[in-house]
Protein backbone atom coordinates (compact mmCIF):
# COMPACT_ATOMS: atom_id res chain seq x y z
CA MET A 1 -5.57 -8.08 -3.56
CA VAL A 2 -3.30 -5.24 -2.51
CA LEU A 3 -1.14 -7.41 -0.26
CA ALA A 4 -0.88 -10.10 -2.94
CA TYR A 5 0.23 -7.45 -5.45
CA ILE A 6 2.90 -6.18 -3.05
CA ASP A 7 4.12 -9.73 -2.42
CA LYS A 8 4.46 -10.30 -6.16
CA HIS A 9 5.85 -6.91 -7.25
CA GLY A 10 7.54 -5.61 -4.09
CA SER A 11 5.58 -2.37 -3.78
CA ILE A 12 2.45 -0.57 -4.95
CA LYS A 13 1.39 3.02 -5.66
CA ARG A 14 -2.00 4.53 -4.92
CA ALA A 15 -2.76 4.69 -8.67
CA ASP A 16 -2.08 0.94 -8.91
CA VAL A 17 -4.53 0.34 -6.04
CA MET A 18 -7.15 2.41 -7.88
CA ASP A 19 -6.74 0.32 -11.04
CA LEU A 20 -6.45 -3.02 -9.27
CA CYS A 21 -9.48 -2.56 -7.03
CA ARG A 22 -11.46 -0.25 -9.36
CA ILE A 23 -11.93 2.37 -6.66
CA THR A 24 -11.60 6.15 -6.41
CA LYS A 25 -8.53 8.06 -5.23
CA ASP A 26 -10.14 8.74 -1.83
CA GLN A 27 -11.12 5.09 -1.37
CA ALA A 28 -7.60 3.97 -2.29
CA TYR A 29 -6.15 6.43 0.23
CA LYS A 30 -8.42 5.11 2.98
CA LEU A 31 -7.61 1.48 2.15
CA LEU A 32 -3.86 2.11 2.18
CA ASN A 33 -4.16 4.12 5.40
CA ARG A 34 -6.03 1.24 7.08
CA LEU A 35 -3.37 -1.26 6.01
CA ARG A 36 -0.64 1.12 7.21
CA SER A 37 -2.36 1.74 10.56
CA SER A 38 -2.70 -2.00 11.15
CA GLY A 39 1.03 -2.48 10.55
CA GLN A 40 0.70 -4.58 7.41
CA ILE A 41 2.34 -2.10 5.04
CA ALA A 42 4.73 0.85 5.32
CA GLN A 43 4.71 4.06 3.30
CA ILE A 44 7.99 4.94 1.59
CA GLY A 45 8.23 8.55 0.43
CA SER A 46 5.49 11.14 0.36
CA ARG A 47 2.93 12.76 -1.88
CA LYS A 48 2.89 11.58 -5.51
CA GLY A 49 6.15 9.67 -5.10
CA ALA A 50 4.88 7.50 -2.25
CA VAL A 51 4.98 3.74 -2.60
CA TYR A 52 3.81 1.13 -0.15
CA GLU A 53 5.72 -1.99 0.84
CA ARG A 54 5.15 -4.82 3.28
CA GLN A 55 6.01 -3.86 6.85
CA ARG A 56 9.22 -5.57 7.87
CA GLN A 57 8.98 -7.67 11.02
CA TYR A 58 12.10 -7.71 13.14
CA MET A 59 12.87 -10.51 15.57
CA ARG A 60 14.31 -9.59 18.96
């Protein structure tokens, strides 16, 4: 759901993840961290202003 939301809207905030998935702040943090660690999304900014976007893939 999170990746589909990002594809449609361009980015997502942790609060949006909480509403979309109906999960707590800690669960949303862990979900976003897993997606970031696996290279699927990138964090832009920090703290409350952070948004998450799809990780850009560069061709060599």
